[in-house]
Amino acid sequence: MPRKPFAARGSRVNRCSGCLMAQDFCICDLRPENVPCRAQIWLLMHPEEIYKPTNTGRLLADCLPDTQVFYWYRTEPNAQLLTLLQNDQYQPFIIFPDDMEDYAHRVVQFDQVMTLQGEYHDGCDKAGKTDQDNKSSSRSKIPVFIILDGTWRQARRMFRKSPYLADLPVLPLKTDRLTRYALRKPASEQHLCTVEVGVELLKQAGETQAAEAVEVYFEAFNRRYAEARGLREEVLERINRV
């Protein structure tokens, strides 16, 4: 991810060039390596998020080497993303709430989609075809979670103003988790930050080891960043949620 001088709050802090944390609170040594994960996360990131040290989407990219980060520009779709969306080896889902009627027909459940793929593959097996014959069949597809990384207003605009996302199945995140993100006060405790959304999606996909690795890394980021700002009781309470 490209770097440039950070010019908002905290811009005078001496930061680690790797994790963007204040030098005394660097978490580079805590970054997990070689975390196995078949499911992939692709971040479609609003330009205003790219250089924010408080952005948590980059934690997913730090932990999971197959994570893709694409920068969203309304009139200039990312060519690599467009190519990947046409690749039959992937089963992409756009992560977005199911609160509007105009795209209700696109809303799916993860398990339902993957089960249907499995039934298709099993039918091919019964017909005497091998995995090699069906290497591009639905069952072999890699699940991909496309997360719109920005404020809620930015995410809604990205969803509405990106024609190349218009035919993708919409997967709403269903979770009882309350946010533990300490660097802003959420409008609702159910509003999760990007990395928390990623963790819950990995759990849904059965990627337990990857979810746990990202969670631990996020906890280190969350606590150390809050400590750098000065822990308040309400922040500490949020961090320590189970």
Protein backbone atom coordinates (compact mmCIF):
# COMPACT_ATOMS: atom_id res chain seq x y z
CA MET A 1 0.00 0.00 0.00
CA PRO A 2 1.50 3.39 -0.99
CA ARG A 3 2.46 5.81 1.72
CA LYS A 4 2.45 9.59 1.88
CA PRO A 5 2.71 12.06 4.74
CA PHE A 6 -0.34 11.92 6.98
CA ALA A 7 -1.77 15.42 7.30
CA ALA A 8 -4.66 15.07 9.77
CA ARG A 9 -4.83 14.51 13.52
CA GLY A 10 -1.63 12.86 14.71
CA SER A 11 0.38 14.00 11.70
CA ARG A 12 3.32 15.11 13.86
CA VAL A 13 3.69 11.71 15.53
CA ASN A 14 6.86 9.83 14.64
CA ARG A 15 5.39 6.72 13.03
CA CYS A 16 6.70 3.29 12.04
CA SER A 17 6.78 3.09 8.25
CA GLY A 18 5.52 -0.51 8.37
CA CYS A 19 2.45 -0.43 10.63
CA LEU A 20 1.94 3.36 10.79
CA MET A 21 1.74 3.19 14.56
CA ALA A 22 3.63 5.63 16.76
CA GLN A 23 7.19 4.29 17.03
CA ASP A 24 6.87 3.46 20.73
CA PHE A 25 3.72 1.40 20.02
CA CYS A 26 4.87 -0.44 16.87
CA ILE A 27 3.13 -3.80 16.26
CA CYS A 28 5.25 -5.07 13.36
CA ASP A 29 6.73 -7.80 15.56
CA LEU A 30 3.21 -9.09 16.26
CA ARG A 31 2.20 -9.48 12.63
CA PRO A 32 1.30 -13.13 11.93
CA GLU A 33 2.98 -14.93 9.06
CA ASN A 34 1.91 -17.76 6.73
CA VAL A 35 -1.70 -17.79 7.94
CA PRO A 36 -3.58 -20.43 5.90
CA CYS A 37 -6.83 -19.19 4.39
CA ARG A 38 -8.61 -20.33 1.23
CA ALA A 39 -11.29 -17.64 1.33
CA GLN A 40 -10.11 -14.24 0.19
CA ILE A 41 -10.94 -10.68 1.12
CA TRP A 42 -10.81 -7.93 -1.45
CA LEU A 43 -10.97 -4.38 -0.12
CA LEU A 44 -12.48 -1.71 -2.34
CA MET A 45 -11.07 1.28 -0.53
CA HIS A 46 -12.26 4.86 -0.74
CA PRO A 47 -9.34 7.21 -1.52
CA GLU A 48 -9.82 9.10 1.75
CA GLU A 49 -9.05 5.89 3.68
CA ILE A 50 -5.76 5.06 1.99
CA TYR A 51 -3.39 6.97 4.26
CA LYS A 52 -5.28 7.00 7.53
CA PRO A 53 -3.20 5.25 10.21
CA THR A 54 -6.49 4.42 11.96
CA ASN A 55 -7.75 2.46 8.95
CA THR A 56 -8.21 -1.19 9.94
CA GLY A 57 -8.65 -2.70 6.49
CA ARG A 58 -4.88 -2.81 6.11
CA LEU A 59 -4.69 -5.17 9.08
CA LEU A 60 -6.40 -7.80 6.93
CA ALA A 61 -3.81 -7.27 4.21
CA ASP A 62 -1.02 -7.52 6.79
CA CYS A 63 -2.27 -10.91 8.01
CA LEU A 64 -3.64 -12.58 4.89
CA PRO A 65 -1.26 -12.52 1.91
CA ASP A 66 -4.02 -13.14 -0.67
CA THR A 67 -5.93 -10.04 0.39
CA GLN A 68 -6.35 -7.61 -2.49
CA VAL A 69 -6.63 -3.85 -2.04
CA PHE A 70 -8.21 -1.79 -4.81
CA TYR A 71 -8.69 1.97 -4.68
CA TRP A 72 -12.11 3.18 -5.74
CA TYR A 73 -12.52 6.01 -8.22
CA ARG A 74 -15.99 6.47 -9.66
CA THR A 75 -14.94 7.20 -13.23
CA GLU A 76 -11.86 4.96 -13.29
CA PRO A 77 -12.65 1.36 -12.30
CA ASN A 78 -9.61 -0.66 -11.27
CA ALA A 79 -8.59 -2.77 -14.29
CA GLN A 80 -7.18 -5.59 -12.17
CA LEU A 81 -10.41 -5.85 -10.18
CA LEU A 82 -12.48 -5.97 -13.37
CA THR A 83 -10.30 -8.80 -14.66
CA LEU A 84 -10.51 -10.78 -11.43
CA LEU A 85 -14.30 -10.46 -11.36
CA GLN A 86 -14.39 -12.29 -14.69
CA ASN A 87 -12.21 -15.14 -13.40
CA ASP A 88 -14.27 -18.31 -12.92
CA GLN A 89 -12.10 -19.58 -10.09
CA TYR A 90 -13.68 -17.02 -7.72
CA GLN A 91 -17.13 -16.78 -6.15
CA PRO A 92 -17.39 -13.10 -5.17
CA PHE A 93 -19.84 -11.66 -2.66
CA ILE A 94 -20.33 -7.94 -2.12
CA ILE A 95 -20.78 -7.27 1.60
CA PHE A 96 -23.68 -4.89 2.12
CA PRO A 97 -26.84 -4.64 4.26
CA ASP A 98 -30.09 -6.11 2.94
CA ASP A 99 -32.15 -3.02 3.72
CA MET A 100 -33.32 -1.86 0.27
CA GLU A 101 -35.92 -3.43 -2.00
CA ASP A 102 -34.25 -2.57 -5.31
CA TYR A 103 -31.51 -5.17 -4.85
CA ALA A 104 -33.38 -7.66 -2.65
CA HIS A 105 -33.27 -10.24 -5.47
CA ARG A 106 -29.47 -10.28 -5.19
CA VAL A 107 -29.31 -11.00 -1.46
CA VAL A 108 -27.96 -14.47 -0.63
CA GLN A 109 -26.79 -16.58 2.27
CA PHE A 110 -23.21 -17.80 2.18
CA ASP A 111 -23.92 -21.41 3.17
CA GLN A 112 -26.74 -21.66 0.66
CA VAL A 113 -24.56 -20.55 -2.23
CA MET A 114 -21.67 -22.83 -1.29
CA THR A 115 -24.03 -25.80 -0.73
CA LEU A 116 -25.51 -25.35 -4.19
CA GLN A 117 -22.01 -25.33 -5.60
CA GLY A 118 -21.27 -28.55 -3.75
CA GLU A 119 -24.37 -30.25 -5.13
CA TYR A 120 -23.34 -29.26 -8.65
CA HIS A 121 -19.88 -30.70 -8.12
CA ASP A 122 -21.25 -33.93 -6.60
CA GLY A 123 -23.51 -34.34 -9.62
CA CYS A 124 -20.50 -34.11 -11.89
CA ASP A 125 -18.74 -36.75 -9.79
CA LYS A 126 -21.66 -39.13 -10.18
CA ALA A 127 -21.44 -38.63 -13.93
CA GLY A 128 -17.94 -40.07 -13.78
CA LYS A 129 -16.02 -36.82 -14.17
CA THR A 130 -12.86 -36.14 -12.19
CA ASP A 131 -11.75 -33.04 -10.30
CA GLN A 132 -9.38 -32.35 -13.15
CA ASP A 133 -12.30 -32.44 -15.59
CA ASN A 134 -14.19 -30.05 -13.35
CA LYS A 135 -11.36 -27.86 -12.10
CA SER A 136 -13.35 -24.79 -13.09
CA SER A 137 -16.65 -26.07 -11.67
CA SER A 138 -18.54 -24.09 -9.04
CA ARG A 139 -17.40 -26.32 -6.17
CA SER A 140 -13.76 -25.41 -6.78
CA LYS A 141 -14.44 -21.69 -6.65
CA ILE A 142 -12.68 -19.63 -4.01
CA PRO A 143 -15.10 -17.56 -1.92
CA VAL A 144 -14.25 -13.86 -2.09
CA PHE A 145 -15.65 -11.25 0.26
CA ILE A 146 -15.59 -7.76 -1.26
CA ILE A 147 -15.66 -5.18 1.54
CA LEU A 148 -16.33 -1.51 0.81
CA ASP A 149 -13.77 0.25 2.98
CA GLY A 150 -14.87 3.75 3.92
CA THR A 151 -17.45 5.61 5.96
CA TRP A 152 -21.03 4.39 5.68
CA ARG A 153 -21.85 7.29 3.35
CA GLN A 154 -18.83 6.52 1.18
CA ALA A 155 -19.62 2.80 1.11
CA ARG A 156 -23.19 3.41 -0.02
CA ARG A 157 -21.94 5.65 -2.82
CA MET A 158 -19.39 3.04 -3.88
CA PHE A 159 -22.13 0.41 -3.94
CA ARG A 160 -24.48 2.57 -5.99
CA LYS A 161 -21.93 4.11 -8.37
CA SER A 162 -20.03 0.97 -9.41
CA PRO A 163 -21.80 -0.76 -12.34
CA TYR A 164 -19.32 -3.66 -12.24
CA LEU A 165 -20.67 -4.63 -8.82
CA ALA A 166 -24.30 -4.56 -9.97
CA ASP A 167 -24.59 -8.28 -10.77
CA LEU A 168 -22.71 -9.65 -7.77
CA PRO A 169 -24.59 -11.48 -5.03
CA VAL A 170 -25.10 -9.31 -1.96
CA LEU A 171 -24.11 -10.90 1.34
CA PRO A 172 -25.30 -9.03 4.44
CA LEU A 173 -23.23 -9.60 7.54
CA LYS A 174 -25.26 -11.31 10.27
CA THR A 175 -23.53 -11.22 13.64
CA ASP A 176 -24.24 -10.42 17.27
CA ARG A 177 -20.81 -8.90 17.72
CA LEU A 178 -20.51 -5.46 19.28
CA THR A 179 -17.62 -3.33 18.11
CA ARG A 180 -14.38 -3.28 20.07
CA TYR A 181 -12.80 -0.58 17.93
CA ALA A 182 -11.38 2.02 20.29
CA LEU A 183 -10.40 4.84 17.95
CA ARG A 184 -13.82 6.36 17.37
CA LYS A 185 -17.16 6.38 19.12
CA PRO A 186 -19.56 4.44 16.89
CA ALA A 187 -23.02 5.69 16.02
CA SER A 188 -24.17 2.23 17.07
CA GLU A 189 -22.37 -0.52 18.97
CA GLN A 190 -23.39 -2.85 16.11
CA HIS A 191 -21.35 -0.78 13.63
CA LEU A 192 -18.17 -2.78 13.14
CA CYS A 193 -14.91 -1.49 11.72
CA THR A 194 -13.53 -3.06 8.54
CA VAL A 195 -11.24 -5.61 10.18
CA GLU A 196 -14.04 -6.74 12.51
CA VAL A 197 -16.27 -7.31 9.47
CA GLY A 198 -13.46 -9.35 7.93
CA VAL A 199 -13.06 -11.47 11.07
CA GLU A 200 -16.77 -12.28 11.20
CA LEU A 201 -16.81 -13.20 7.51
CA LEU A 202 -13.85 -15.52 7.95
CA LYS A 203 -15.67 -17.25 10.79
CA GLN A 204 -18.73 -17.62 8.57
CA ALA A 205 -16.55 -19.24 5.90
CA GLY A 206 -15.11 -21.72 8.41
CA GLU A 207 -11.67 -20.05 8.33
CA THR A 208 -11.24 -20.31 12.10
CA GLN A 209 -7.44 -20.15 12.21
CA ALA A 210 -7.31 -17.10 9.96
CA ALA A 211 -10.08 -15.37 11.93
CA GLU A 212 -8.24 -15.94 15.21
CA ALA A 213 -4.93 -14.68 13.80
CA VAL A 214 -6.50 -11.48 12.49
CA GLU A 215 -8.41 -10.99 15.75
CA VAL A 216 -5.24 -11.18 17.85
CA TYR A 217 -3.45 -8.73 15.57
CA PHE A 218 -6.42 -6.35 15.68
CA GLU A 219 -6.48 -6.55 19.48
CA ALA A 220 -2.81 -5.52 19.60
CA PHE A 221 -3.43 -2.64 17.17
CA ASN A 222 -6.54 -1.52 19.01
CA ARG A 223 -5.03 -1.55 22.49
CA ARG A 224 -1.68 0.02 21.57
CA TYR A 225 -3.28 2.77 19.52
CA ALA A 226 -5.65 3.54 22.39
CA GLU A 227 -2.74 3.54 24.84
CA ALA A 228 -0.89 5.99 22.61
CA ARG A 229 -3.88 8.33 22.87
CA GLY A 230 -4.47 7.70 26.56
CA LEU A 231 -6.92 5.02 27.69
CA ARG A 232 -10.29 6.19 28.96
CA GLU A 233 -12.60 3.97 30.96
CA GLU A 234 -15.27 3.76 28.25
CA VAL A 235 -12.61 2.86 25.66
CA LEU A 236 -11.09 0.21 27.89
CA GLU A 237 -14.52 -1.30 28.42
CA ARG A 238 -15.05 -1.54 24.67
CA ILE A 239 -11.63 -3.08 24.06
CA ASN A 240 -12.21 -5.78 26.67
CA ARG A 241 -15.50 -6.98 25.24
CA VAL A 242 -15.69 -10.73 24.58
